[in-house]
Amino acid sequence: APRGREAPAGGELVIALARPKKVSAKRTRQPREPRENTSIRLEEPSTNDLCCRNLPFTLDDEGLRAIFKDYSSVDSARIITRGTRSRGYGFVHFTDAAETAAAQAALNDQ
């Protein structure tokens, strides 16, 4: 993706419930030495976690939290990065399931 591009291809913001991390099939090759799991994907997402896709690459954690400013039960908001560059998606965790559903419905209707 060219530098300075505001949003990933595809356009509009997508808000969905976070899904569990996929477990890949076993390899038939010689296994490597085990590495520490540094995955930033949610191992066990709850119904209070929303995955936000097609975010602008310039958006930071506070900007993601600002998108959900109308919902008081936002506990955390995190943009996923590789190095210092945004990957165009993030996760928002709510403490209230009703507000999670309301935020998802309201923001997907925009």
PDB file of N, CA and C in Angstrom:
ATOM      1  N   ALA A   1       0.844  -1.185   0.000  1.00  0.00           N
ATOM      2  CA  ALA A   1       0.000   0.000   0.000  1.00  0.00           C
ATOM      3  C   ALA A   1       0.883   1.240   0.000  1.00  0.00           C
ATOM      4  N   PRO A   2       0.558   2.217  -0.829  1.00  0.00           N
ATOM      5  CA  PRO A   2       1.360   3.426  -0.871  1.00  0.00           C
ATOM      6  C   PRO A   2       1.272   4.197   0.437  1.00  0.00           C
ATOM      7  N   ARG A   3       2.368   4.835   0.779  1.00  0.00           N
ATOM      8  CA  ARG A   3       2.376   5.654   2.002  1.00  0.00           C
ATOM      9  C   ARG A   3       1.432   6.832   1.842  1.00  0.00           C
ATOM     10  N   GLY A   4       0.817   7.242   2.948  1.00  0.00           N
ATOM     11  CA  GLY A   4      -0.079   8.382   2.921  1.00  0.00           C
ATOM     12  C   GLY A   4      -1.504   8.038   2.534  1.00  0.00           C
ATOM     13  N   ARG A   5      -1.751   6.790   2.182  1.00  0.00           N
ATOM     14  CA  ARG A   5      -3.102   6.382   1.834  1.00  0.00           C
ATOM     15  C   ARG A   5      -3.937   6.386   3.101  1.00  0.00           C
ATOM     16  N   GLU A   6      -5.120   6.963   3.049  1.00  0.00           N
ATOM     17  CA  GLU A   6      -5.935   7.124   4.248  1.00  0.00           C
ATOM     18  C   GLU A   6      -6.604   5.841   4.715  1.00  0.00           C
ATOM     19  N   ALA A   7      -7.163   5.068   3.819  1.00  0.00           N
ATOM     20  CA  ALA A   7      -7.896   3.874   4.242  1.00  0.00           C
ATOM     21  C   ALA A   7      -7.567   2.725   3.305  1.00  0.00           C
ATOM     22  N   PRO A   8      -7.611   1.501   3.814  1.00  0.00           N
ATOM     23  CA  PRO A   8      -7.373   0.346   2.958  1.00  0.00           C
ATOM     24  C   PRO A   8      -8.435   0.246   1.873  1.00  0.00           C
ATOM     25  N   ALA A   9      -8.115  -0.468   0.821  1.00  0.00           N
ATOM     26  CA  ALA A   9      -9.080  -0.668  -0.258  1.00  0.00           C
ATOM     27  C   ALA A   9     -10.338  -1.315   0.292  1.00  0.00           C
ATOM     28  N   GLY A  10     -11.455  -0.953  -0.211  1.00  0.00           N
ATOM     29  CA  GLY A  10     -12.705  -1.525   0.272  1.00  0.00           C
ATOM     30  C   GLY A  10     -13.593  -0.460   0.864  1.00  0.00           C
ATOM     31  N   GLY A  11     -13.017   0.642   1.310  1.00  0.00           N
ATOM     32  CA  GLY A  11     -13.810   1.785   1.683  1.00  0.00           C
ATOM     33  C   GLY A  11     -14.301   1.865   3.093  1.00  0.00           C
ATOM     34  N   GLU A  12     -15.555   1.533   3.328  1.00  0.00           N
ATOM     35  CA  GLU A  12     -16.199   1.886   4.580  1.00  0.00           C
ATOM     36  C   GLU A  12     -15.759   1.026   5.759  1.00  0.00           C
ATOM     37  N   LEU A  13     -15.903   1.628   6.941  1.00  0.00           N
ATOM     38  CA  LEU A  13     -15.553   0.985   8.201  1.00  0.00           C
ATOM     39  C   LEU A  13     -16.442  -0.232   8.424  1.00  0.00           C
ATOM     40  N   VAL A  14     -15.854  -1.338   8.871  1.00  0.00           N
ATOM     41  CA  VAL A  14     -16.602  -2.564   9.152  1.00  0.00           C
ATOM     42  C   VAL A  14     -16.438  -2.883  10.636  1.00  0.00           C
ATOM     43  N   ILE A  15     -17.549  -3.060  11.342  1.00  0.00           N
ATOM     44  CA  ILE A  15     -17.545  -3.394  12.761  1.00  0.00           C
ATOM     45  C   ILE A  15     -18.191  -4.767  12.905  1.00  0.00           C
ATOM     46  N   ALA A  16     -17.475  -5.723  13.507  1.00  0.00           N
ATOM     47  CA  ALA A  16     -18.002  -7.081  13.669  1.00  0.00           C
ATOM     48  C   ALA A  16     -17.521  -7.648  14.990  1.00  0.00           C
ATOM     49  N   LEU A  17     -18.208  -8.675  15.472  1.00  0.00           N
ATOM     50  CA  LEU A  17     -17.737  -9.347  16.681  1.00  0.00           C
ATOM     51  C   LEU A  17     -16.394  -9.993  16.398  1.00  0.00           C
ATOM     52  N   ALA A  18     -15.494  -9.923  17.366  1.00  0.00           N
ATOM     53  CA  ALA A  18     -14.175 -10.522  17.214  1.00  0.00           C
ATOM     54  C   ALA A  18     -14.312 -12.040  17.185  1.00  0.00           C
ATOM     55  N   ARG A  19     -13.477 -12.693  16.359  1.00  0.00           N
ATOM     56  CA  ARG A  19     -13.506 -14.148  16.239  1.00  0.00           C
ATOM     57  C   ARG A  19     -12.259 -14.746  16.863  1.00  0.00           C
ATOM     58  N   PRO A  20     -12.321 -16.005  17.274  1.00  0.00           N
ATOM     59  CA  PRO A  20     -11.126 -16.642  17.831  1.00  0.00           C
ATOM     60  C   PRO A  20     -10.026 -16.769  16.782  1.00  0.00           C
ATOM     61  N   LYS A  21      -8.803 -16.796  17.242  1.00  0.00           N
ATOM     62  CA  LYS A  21      -7.670 -16.987  16.354  1.00  0.00           C
ATOM     63  C   LYS A  21      -7.748 -18.373  15.741  1.00  0.00           C
ATOM     64  N   LYS A  22      -7.500 -18.474  14.431  1.00  0.00           N
ATOM     65  CA  LYS A  22      -7.538 -19.767  13.765  1.00  0.00           C
ATOM     66  C   LYS A  22      -6.286 -20.558  14.108  1.00  0.00           C
ATOM     67  N   VAL A  23      -6.461 -21.849  14.300  1.00  0.00           N
ATOM     68  CA  VAL A  23      -5.339 -22.732  14.555  1.00  0.00           C
ATOM     69  C   VAL A  23      -4.994 -23.402  13.236  1.00  0.00           C
ATOM     70  N   SER A  24      -3.749 -23.238  12.812  1.00  0.00           N
ATOM     71  CA  SER A  24      -3.364 -23.794  11.516  1.00  0.00           C
ATOM     72  C   SER A  24      -3.167 -25.305  11.610  1.00  0.00           C
ATOM     73  N   ALA A  25      -3.308 -25.962  10.465  1.00  0.00           N
ATOM     74  CA  ALA A  25      -3.146 -27.415  10.405  1.00  0.00           C
ATOM     75  C   ALA A  25      -1.694 -27.798  10.702  1.00  0.00           C
ATOM     76  N   LYS A  26      -1.513 -29.022  11.159  1.00  0.00           N
ATOM     77  CA  LYS A  26      -0.159 -29.490  11.473  1.00  0.00           C
ATOM     78  C   LYS A  26       0.682 -29.553  10.213  1.00  0.00           C
ATOM     79  N   ARG A  27       1.943 -29.251  10.385  1.00  0.00           N
ATOM     80  CA  ARG A  27       2.888 -29.311   9.274  1.00  0.00           C
ATOM     81  C   ARG A  27       3.407 -30.731   9.119  1.00  0.00           C
ATOM     82  N   THR A  28       3.764 -31.061   7.891  1.00  0.00           N
ATOM     83  CA  THR A  28       4.362 -32.372   7.656  1.00  0.00           C
ATOM     84  C   THR A  28       5.887 -32.275   7.647  1.00  0.00           C
ATOM     85  N   ARG A  29       6.402 -31.033   7.666  1.00  0.00           N
ATOM     86  CA  ARG A  29       7.846 -30.842   7.709  1.00  0.00           C
ATOM     87  C   ARG A  29       8.363 -31.001   9.126  1.00  0.00           C
ATOM     88  N   GLN A  30       9.667 -30.968   9.218  1.00  0.00           N
ATOM     89  CA  GLN A  30      10.316 -31.055  10.531  1.00  0.00           C
ATOM     90  C   GLN A  30       9.885 -29.844  11.366  1.00  0.00           C
ATOM     91  N   PRO A  31       9.392 -30.059  12.578  1.00  0.00           N
ATOM     92  CA  PRO A  31       8.934 -28.922  13.382  1.00  0.00           C
ATOM     93  C   PRO A  31      10.104 -28.044  13.830  1.00  0.00           C
ATOM     94  N   ARG A  32       9.821 -26.751  13.924  1.00  0.00           N
ATOM     95  CA  ARG A  32      10.807 -25.801  14.435  1.00  0.00           C
ATOM     96  C   ARG A  32      10.805 -25.832  15.950  1.00  0.00           C
ATOM     97  N   GLU A  33      11.820 -25.200  16.518  1.00  0.00           N
ATOM     98  CA  GLU A  33      11.811 -25.041  17.968  1.00  0.00           C
ATOM     99  C   GLU A  33      10.643 -24.144  18.333  1.00  0.00           C
ATOM    100  N   PRO A  34       9.963 -24.445  19.425  1.00  0.00           N
ATOM    101  CA  PRO A  34       8.812 -23.614  19.797  1.00  0.00           C
ATOM    102  C   PRO A  34       9.244 -22.181  20.083  1.00  0.00           C
ATOM    103  N   ARG A  35       8.421 -21.234  19.605  1.00  0.00           N
ATOM    104  CA  ARG A  35       8.668 -19.832  19.866  1.00  0.00           C
ATOM    105  C   ARG A  35       7.618 -19.316  20.832  1.00  0.00           C
ATOM    106  N   GLU A  36       7.973 -18.251  21.504  1.00  0.00           N
ATOM    107  CA  GLU A  36       7.018 -17.616  22.399  1.00  0.00           C
ATOM    108  C   GLU A  36       5.878 -17.050  21.565  1.00  0.00           C
ATOM    109  N   ASN A  37       4.656 -17.244  22.021  1.00  0.00           N
ATOM    110  CA  ASN A  37       3.497 -16.737  21.298  1.00  0.00           C
ATOM    111  C   ASN A  37       3.419 -15.234  21.498  1.00  0.00           C
ATOM    112  N   THR A  38       3.666 -14.489  20.438  1.00  0.00           N
ATOM    113  CA  THR A  38       3.584 -13.034  20.504  1.00  0.00           C
ATOM    114  C   THR A  38       2.386 -12.518  19.720  1.00  0.00           C
ATOM    115  N   SER A  39       1.424 -13.393  19.458  1.00  0.00           N
ATOM    116  CA  SER A  39       0.253 -13.016  18.674  1.00  0.00           C
ATOM    117  C   SER A  39      -0.529 -11.919  19.380  1.00  0.00           C
ATOM    118  N   ILE A  40      -1.009 -10.977  18.581  1.00  0.00           N
ATOM    119  CA  ILE A  40      -1.829  -9.909  19.122  1.00  0.00           C
ATOM    120  C   ILE A  40      -3.311 -10.176  18.856  1.00  0.00           C
ATOM    121  N   ARG A  41      -3.604 -11.284  18.178  1.00  0.00           N
ATOM    122  CA  ARG A  41      -4.997 -11.678  17.969  1.00  0.00           C
ATOM    123  C   ARG A  41      -5.565 -12.155  19.294  1.00  0.00           C
ATOM    124  N   LEU A  42      -6.844 -12.042  19.434  1.00  0.00           N
ATOM    125  CA  LEU A  42      -7.508 -12.474  20.655  1.00  0.00           C
ATOM    126  C   LEU A  42      -7.660 -13.982  20.649  1.00  0.00           C
ATOM    127  N   GLU A  43      -7.113 -14.647  21.652  1.00  0.00           N
ATOM    128  CA  GLU A  43      -7.222 -16.103  21.744  1.00  0.00           C
ATOM    129  C   GLU A  43      -8.662 -16.515  22.038  1.00  0.00           C
ATOM    130  N   GLU A  44      -9.278 -15.843  22.986  1.00  0.00           N
ATOM    131  CA  GLU A  44     -10.654 -16.163  23.384  1.00  0.00           C
ATOM    132  C   GLU A  44     -11.481 -14.881  23.439  1.00  0.00           C
ATOM    133  N   PRO A  45     -11.904 -14.356  22.294  1.00  0.00           N
ATOM    134  CA  PRO A  45     -12.712 -13.130  22.336  1.00  0.00           C
ATOM    135  C   PRO A  45     -14.067 -13.394  22.968  1.00  0.00           C
ATOM    136  N   SER A  46     -14.579 -12.388  23.632  1.00  0.00           N
ATOM    137  CA  SER A  46     -15.898 -12.509  24.236  1.00  0.00           C
ATOM    138  C   SER A  46     -16.916 -11.806  23.345  1.00  0.00           C
ATOM    139  N   THR A  47     -18.162 -11.859  23.735  1.00  0.00           N
ATOM    140  CA  THR A  47     -19.200 -11.166  22.968  1.00  0.00           C
ATOM    141  C   THR A  47     -19.117  -9.661  23.195  1.00  0.00           C
ATOM    142  N   ASN A  48     -18.204  -9.228  24.049  1.00  0.00           N
ATOM    143  CA  ASN A  48     -18.008  -7.802  24.302  1.00  0.00           C
ATOM    144  C   ASN A  48     -16.846  -7.227  23.497  1.00  0.00           C
ATOM    145  N   ASP A  49     -16.257  -7.997  22.593  1.00  0.00           N
ATOM    146  CA  ASP A  49     -15.137  -7.540  21.781  1.00  0.00           C
ATOM    147  C   ASP A  49     -15.606  -7.308  20.353  1.00  0.00           C
ATOM    148  N   LEU A  50     -15.296  -6.128  19.830  1.00  0.00           N
ATOM    149  CA  LEU A  50     -15.605  -5.821  18.439  1.00  0.00           C
ATOM    150  C   LEU A  50     -14.304  -5.694  17.652  1.00  0.00           C
ATOM    151  N   CYS A  51     -14.312  -6.227  16.455  1.00  0.00           N
ATOM    152  CA  CYS A  51     -13.197  -6.076  15.532  1.00  0.00           C
ATOM    153  C   CYS A  51     -13.587  -4.985  14.540  1.00  0.00           C
ATOM    154  N   CYS A  52     -12.734  -3.986  14.389  1.00  0.00           N
ATOM    155  CA  CYS A  52     -12.997  -2.860  13.485  1.00  0.00           C
ATOM    156  C   CYS A  52     -12.018  -2.946  12.326  1.00  0.00           C
ATOM    157  N   ARG A  53     -12.535  -3.067  11.111  1.00  0.00           N
ATOM    158  CA  ARG A  53     -11.687  -3.204   9.920  1.00  0.00           C
ATOM    159  C   ARG A  53     -11.849  -1.999   9.008  1.00  0.00           C
ATOM    160  N   ASN A  54     -10.930  -1.875   8.054  1.00  0.00           N
ATOM    161  CA  ASN A  54     -10.889  -0.765   7.105  1.00  0.00           C
ATOM    162  C   ASN A  54     -10.675   0.572   7.799  1.00  0.00           C
ATOM    163  N   LEU A  55      -9.864   0.560   8.846  1.00  0.00           N
ATOM    164  CA  LEU A  55      -9.543   1.796   9.551  1.00  0.00           C
ATOM    165  C   LEU A  55      -8.461   2.552   8.791  1.00  0.00           C
ATOM    166  N   PRO A  56      -8.455   3.882   8.888  1.00  0.00           N
ATOM    167  CA  PRO A  56      -7.370   4.653   8.264  1.00  0.00           C
ATOM    168  C   PRO A  56      -6.029   4.257   8.878  1.00  0.00           C
ATOM    169  N   PHE A  57      -4.998   4.209   8.074  1.00  0.00           N
ATOM    170  CA  PHE A  57      -3.677   3.835   8.575  1.00  0.00           C
ATOM    171  C   PHE A  57      -3.121   4.870   9.542  1.00  0.00           C
ATOM    172  N   THR A  58      -3.673   6.080   9.524  1.00  0.00           N
ATOM    173  CA  THR A  58      -3.191   7.137  10.411  1.00  0.00           C
ATOM    174  C   THR A  58      -3.872   7.112  11.776  1.00  0.00           C
ATOM    175  N   LEU A  59      -4.884   6.278  11.961  1.00  0.00           N
ATOM    176  CA  LEU A  59      -5.633   6.221  13.219  1.00  0.00           C
ATOM    177  C   LEU A  59      -4.807   5.535  14.302  1.00  0.00           C
ATOM    178  N   ASP A  60      -4.853   6.087  15.529  1.00  0.00           N
ATOM    179  CA  ASP A  60      -4.167   5.465  16.658  1.00  0.00           C
ATOM    180  C   ASP A  60      -5.207   4.964  17.668  1.00  0.00           C
ATOM    181  N   ASP A  61      -4.725   4.414  18.799  1.00  0.00           N
ATOM    182  CA  ASP A  61      -5.630   3.850  19.806  1.00  0.00           C
ATOM    183  C   ASP A  61      -6.648   4.878  20.304  1.00  0.00           C
ATOM    184  N   GLU A  62      -6.191   6.101  20.555  1.00  0.00           N
ATOM    185  CA  GLU A  62      -7.102   7.139  21.047  1.00  0.00           C
ATOM    186  C   GLU A  62      -8.140   7.521  19.980  1.00  0.00           C
ATOM    187  N   GLY A  63      -7.733   7.515  18.739  1.00  0.00           N
ATOM    188  CA  GLY A  63      -8.673   7.803  17.652  1.00  0.00           C
ATOM    189  C   GLY A  63      -9.741   6.727  17.533  1.00  0.00           C
ATOM    190  N   LEU A  64      -9.339   5.470  17.727  1.00  0.00           N
ATOM    191  CA  LEU A  64     -10.310   4.374  17.698  1.00  0.00           C
ATOM    192  C   LEU A  64     -11.278   4.510  18.865  1.00  0.00           C
ATOM    193  N   ARG A  65     -10.761   4.845  20.033  1.00  0.00           N
ATOM    194  CA  ARG A  65     -11.624   5.053  21.199  1.00  0.00           C
ATOM    195  C   ARG A  65     -12.602   6.208  20.941  1.00  0.00           C
ATOM    196  N   ALA A  66     -12.149   7.250  20.227  1.00  0.00           N
ATOM    197  CA  ALA A  66     -13.001   8.409  19.939  1.00  0.00           C
ATOM    198  C   ALA A  66     -14.178   8.033  19.038  1.00  0.00           C
ATOM    199  N   ILE A  67     -14.004   7.038  18.168  1.00  0.00           N
ATOM    200  CA  ILE A  67     -15.108   6.582  17.316  1.00  0.00           C
ATOM    201  C   ILE A  67     -16.256   6.066  18.184  1.00  0.00           C
ATOM    202  N   PHE A  68     -15.911   5.490  19.332  1.00  0.00           N
ATOM    203  CA  PHE A  68     -16.904   4.899  20.231  1.00  0.00           C
ATOM    204  C   PHE A  68     -17.176   5.796  21.442  1.00  0.00           C
ATOM    205  N   LYS A  69     -16.955   7.111  21.309  1.00  0.00           N
ATOM    206  CA  LYS A  69     -17.092   8.037  22.441  1.00  0.00           C
ATOM    207  C   LYS A  69     -18.498   8.090  23.022  1.00  0.00           C
ATOM    208  N   ASP A  70     -19.505   7.728  22.235  1.00  0.00           N
ATOM    209  CA  ASP A  70     -20.894   7.773  22.713  1.00  0.00           C
ATOM    210  C   ASP A  70     -21.257   6.583  23.602  1.00  0.00           C
ATOM    211  N   TYR A  71     -20.333   5.651  23.767  1.00  0.00           N
ATOM    212  CA  TYR A  71     -20.603   4.438  24.541  1.00  0.00           C
ATOM    213  C   TYR A  71     -19.697   4.427  25.768  1.00  0.00           C
ATOM    214  N   SER A  72     -20.319   4.542  26.950  1.00  0.00           N
ATOM    215  CA  SER A  72     -19.554   4.700  28.190  1.00  0.00           C
ATOM    216  C   SER A  72     -18.879   3.409  28.650  1.00  0.00           C
ATOM    217  N   SER A  73     -19.269   2.270  28.126  1.00  0.00           N
ATOM    218  CA  SER A  73     -18.705   1.019  28.621  1.00  0.00           C
ATOM    219  C   SER A  73     -17.477   0.552  27.840  1.00  0.00           C
ATOM    220  N   VAL A  74     -16.870   1.428  27.012  1.00  0.00           N
ATOM    221  CA  VAL A  74     -15.642   1.053  26.311  1.00  0.00           C
ATOM    222  C   VAL A  74     -14.530   0.914  27.339  1.00  0.00           C
ATOM    223  N   ASP A  75     -13.957  -0.282  27.404  1.00  0.00           N
ATOM    224  CA  ASP A  75     -12.895  -0.565  28.363  1.00  0.00           C
ATOM    225  C   ASP A  75     -11.521  -0.340  27.740  1.00  0.00           C
ATOM    226  N   SER A  76     -11.348  -0.765  26.486  1.00  0.00           N
ATOM    227  CA  SER A  76     -10.069  -0.566  25.807  1.00  0.00           C
ATOM    228  C   SER A  76     -10.276  -0.543  24.305  1.00  0.00           C
ATOM    229  N   ALA A  77      -9.340   0.107  23.622  1.00  0.00           N
ATOM    230  CA  ALA A  77      -9.344   0.164  22.161  1.00  0.00           C
ATOM    231  C   ALA A  77      -7.894   0.034  21.717  1.00  0.00           C
ATOM    232  N   ARG A  78      -7.659  -0.861  20.746  1.00  0.00           N
ATOM    233  CA  ARG A  78      -6.287  -1.120  20.328  1.00  0.00           C
ATOM    234  C   ARG A  78      -6.201  -1.288  18.815  1.00  0.00           C
ATOM    235  N   ILE A  79      -5.326  -0.500  18.207  1.00  0.00           N
ATOM    236  CA  ILE A  79      -5.022  -0.624  16.784  1.00  0.00           C
ATOM    237  C   ILE A  79      -3.912  -1.664  16.650  1.00  0.00           C
ATOM    238  N   ILE A  80      -4.049  -2.558  15.712  1.00  0.00           N
ATOM    239  CA  ILE A  80      -3.033  -3.585  15.489  1.00  0.00           C
ATOM    240  C   ILE A  80      -1.989  -3.017  14.528  1.00  0.00           C
ATOM    241  N   THR A  81      -0.735  -3.156  14.911  1.00  0.00           N
ATOM    242  CA  THR A  81       0.349  -2.600  14.110  1.00  0.00           C
ATOM    243  C   THR A  81       1.377  -3.677  13.780  1.00  0.00           C
ATOM    244  N   ARG A  82       2.136  -3.400  12.753  1.00  0.00           N
ATOM    245  CA  ARG A  82       3.330  -4.187  12.439  1.00  0.00           C
ATOM    246  C   ARG A  82       4.456  -3.172  12.481  1.00  0.00           C
ATOM    247  N   GLY A  83       5.308  -3.290  13.498  1.00  0.00           N
ATOM    248  CA  GLY A  83       6.307  -2.249  13.724  1.00  0.00           C
ATOM    249  C   GLY A  83       5.588  -1.007  14.212  1.00  0.00           C
ATOM    250  N   THR A  84       5.737   0.078  13.490  1.00  0.00           N
ATOM    251  CA  THR A  84       5.042   1.315  13.865  1.00  0.00           C
ATOM    252  C   THR A  84       3.872   1.609  12.937  1.00  0.00           C
ATOM    253  N   ARG A  85       3.657   0.792  11.935  1.00  0.00           N
ATOM    254  CA  ARG A  85       2.624   1.033  10.922  1.00  0.00           C
ATOM    255  C   ARG A  85       1.339   0.269  11.252  1.00  0.00           C
ATOM    256  N   SER A  86       0.213   0.965  11.156  1.00  0.00           N
ATOM    257  CA  SER A  86      -1.094   0.348  11.380  1.00  0.00           C
ATOM    258  C   SER A  86      -1.361  -0.702  10.312  1.00  0.00           C
ATOM    259  N   ARG A  87      -2.054  -1.753  10.707  1.00  0.00           N
ATOM    260  CA  ARG A  87      -2.452  -2.789   9.750  1.00  0.00           C
ATOM    261  C   ARG A  87      -3.880  -2.566   9.251  1.00  0.00           C
ATOM    262  N   GLY A  88      -4.540  -1.486   9.711  1.00  0.00           N
ATOM    263  CA  GLY A  88      -5.869  -1.147   9.207  1.00  0.00           C
ATOM    264  C   GLY A  88      -7.016  -1.778   9.965  1.00  0.00           C
ATOM    265  N   TYR A  89      -6.727  -2.405  11.111  1.00  0.00           N
ATOM    266  CA  TYR A  89      -7.817  -2.949  11.921  1.00  0.00           C
ATOM    267  C   TYR A  89      -7.457  -2.858  13.401  1.00  0.00           C
ATOM    268  N   GLY A  90      -8.457  -3.034  14.246  1.00  0.00           N
ATOM    269  CA  GLY A  90      -8.236  -2.961  15.685  1.00  0.00           C
ATOM    270  C   GLY A  90      -9.376  -3.620  16.438  1.00  0.00           C
ATOM    271  N   PHE A  91      -9.222  -3.671  17.748  1.00  0.00           N
ATOM    272  CA  PHE A  91     -10.225  -4.291  18.616  1.00  0.00           C
ATOM    273  C   PHE A  91     -10.676  -3.304  19.675  1.00  0.00           C
ATOM    274  N   VAL A  92     -11.965  -3.352  19.985  1.00  0.00           N
ATOM    275  CA  VAL A  92     -12.543  -2.528  21.050  1.00  0.00           C
ATOM    276  C   VAL A  92     -13.235  -3.476  22.015  1.00  0.00           C
ATOM    277  N   HIS A  93     -12.925  -3.331  23.314  1.00  0.00           N
ATOM    278  CA  HIS A  93     -13.547  -4.177  24.332  1.00  0.00           C
ATOM    279  C   HIS A  93     -14.505  -3.332  25.162  1.00  0.00           C
ATOM    280  N   PHE A  94     -15.711  -3.834  25.324  1.00  0.00           N
ATOM    281  CA  PHE A  94     -16.752  -3.185  26.118  1.00  0.00           C
ATOM    282  C   PHE A  94     -16.971  -3.981  27.401  1.00  0.00           C
ATOM    283  N   THR A  95     -17.474  -3.320  28.435  1.00  0.00           N
ATOM    284  CA  THR A  95     -17.815  -4.026  29.665  1.00  0.00           C
ATOM    285  C   THR A  95     -19.296  -4.418  29.695  1.00  0.00           C
ATOM    286  N   ASP A  96     -20.093  -3.872  28.770  1.00  0.00           N
ATOM    287  CA  ASP A  96     -21.531  -4.137  28.742  1.00  0.00           C
ATOM    288  C   ASP A  96     -21.922  -4.718  27.379  1.00  0.00           C
ATOM    289  N   ALA A  97     -22.515  -5.911  27.382  1.00  0.00           N
ATOM    290  CA  ALA A  97     -22.879  -6.592  26.131  1.00  0.00           C
ATOM    291  C   ALA A  97     -23.941  -5.823  25.349  1.00  0.00           C
ATOM    292  N   ALA A  98     -24.863  -5.167  26.045  1.00  0.00           N
ATOM    293  CA  ALA A  98     -25.909  -4.415  25.350  1.00  0.00           C
ATOM    294  C   ALA A  98     -25.305  -3.242  24.572  1.00  0.00           C
ATOM    295  N   GLU A  99     -24.342  -2.558  25.165  1.00  0.00           N
ATOM    296  CA  GLU A  99     -23.688  -1.447  24.461  1.00  0.00           C
ATOM    297  C   GLU A  99     -22.825  -1.961  23.318  1.00  0.00           C
ATOM    298  N   THR A 100     -22.260  -3.149  23.455  1.00  0.00           N
ATOM    299  CA  THR A 100     -21.486  -3.742  22.367  1.00  0.00           C
ATOM    300  C   THR A 100     -22.378  -3.922  21.144  1.00  0.00           C
ATOM    301  N   ALA A 101     -23.547  -4.519  21.357  1.00  0.00           N
ATOM    302  CA  ALA A 101     -24.485  -4.750  20.257  1.00  0.00           C
ATOM    303  C   ALA A 101     -24.994  -3.429  19.685  1.00  0.00           C
ATOM    304  N   ALA A 102     -25.266  -2.456  20.557  1.00  0.00           N
ATOM    305  CA  ALA A 102     -25.760  -1.163  20.098  1.00  0.00           C
ATOM    306  C   ALA A 102     -24.700  -0.444  19.253  1.00  0.00           C
ATOM    307  N   ALA A 103     -23.455  -0.483  19.685  1.00  0.00           N
ATOM    308  CA  ALA A 103     -22.369   0.162  18.941  1.00  0.00           C
ATOM    309  C   ALA A 103     -22.176  -0.510  17.585  1.00  0.00           C
ATOM    310  N   GLN A 104     -22.218  -1.830  17.569  1.00  0.00           N
ATOM    311  CA  GLN A 104     -22.053  -2.555  16.311  1.00  0.00           C
ATOM    312  C   GLN A 104     -23.165  -2.187  15.337  1.00  0.00           C
ATOM    313  N   ALA A 105     -24.393  -2.193  15.810  1.00  0.00           N
ATOM    314  CA  ALA A 105     -25.537  -1.871  14.941  1.00  0.00           C
ATOM    315  C   ALA A 105     -25.470  -0.420  14.458  1.00  0.00           C
ATOM    316  N   ALA A 106     -25.180   0.500  15.359  1.00  0.00           N
ATOM    317  CA  ALA A 106     -25.179   1.919  15.007  1.00  0.00           C
ATOM    318  C   ALA A 106     -24.051   2.256  14.025  1.00  0.00           C
ATOM    319  N   LEU A 107     -22.869   1.742  14.268  1.00  0.00           N
ATOM    320  CA  LEU A 107     -21.739   2.085  13.408  1.00  0.00           C
ATOM    321  C   LEU A 107     -21.781   1.359  12.058  1.00  0.00           C
ATOM    322  N   ASN A 108     -22.384   0.199  12.001  1.00  0.00           N
ATOM    323  CA  ASN A 108     -22.521  -0.472  10.713  1.00  0.00           C
ATOM    324  C   ASN A 108     -23.585   0.175   9.843  1.00  0.00           C
ATOM    325  N   ASP A 109     -24.507   0.942  10.450  1.00  0.00           N
ATOM    326  CA  ASP A 109     -25.563   1.630   9.703  1.00  0.00           C
ATOM    327  C   ASP A 109     -25.100   2.954   9.127  1.00  0.00           C
ATOM    328  N   GLN A 110     -23.902   3.419   9.511  1.00  0.00           N
ATOM    329  CA  GLN A 110     -23.422   4.724   9.024  1.00  0.00           C
ATOM    330  C   GLN A 110     -22.988   4.637   7.591  1.00  0.00           C
TER     331      GLN A 110
END
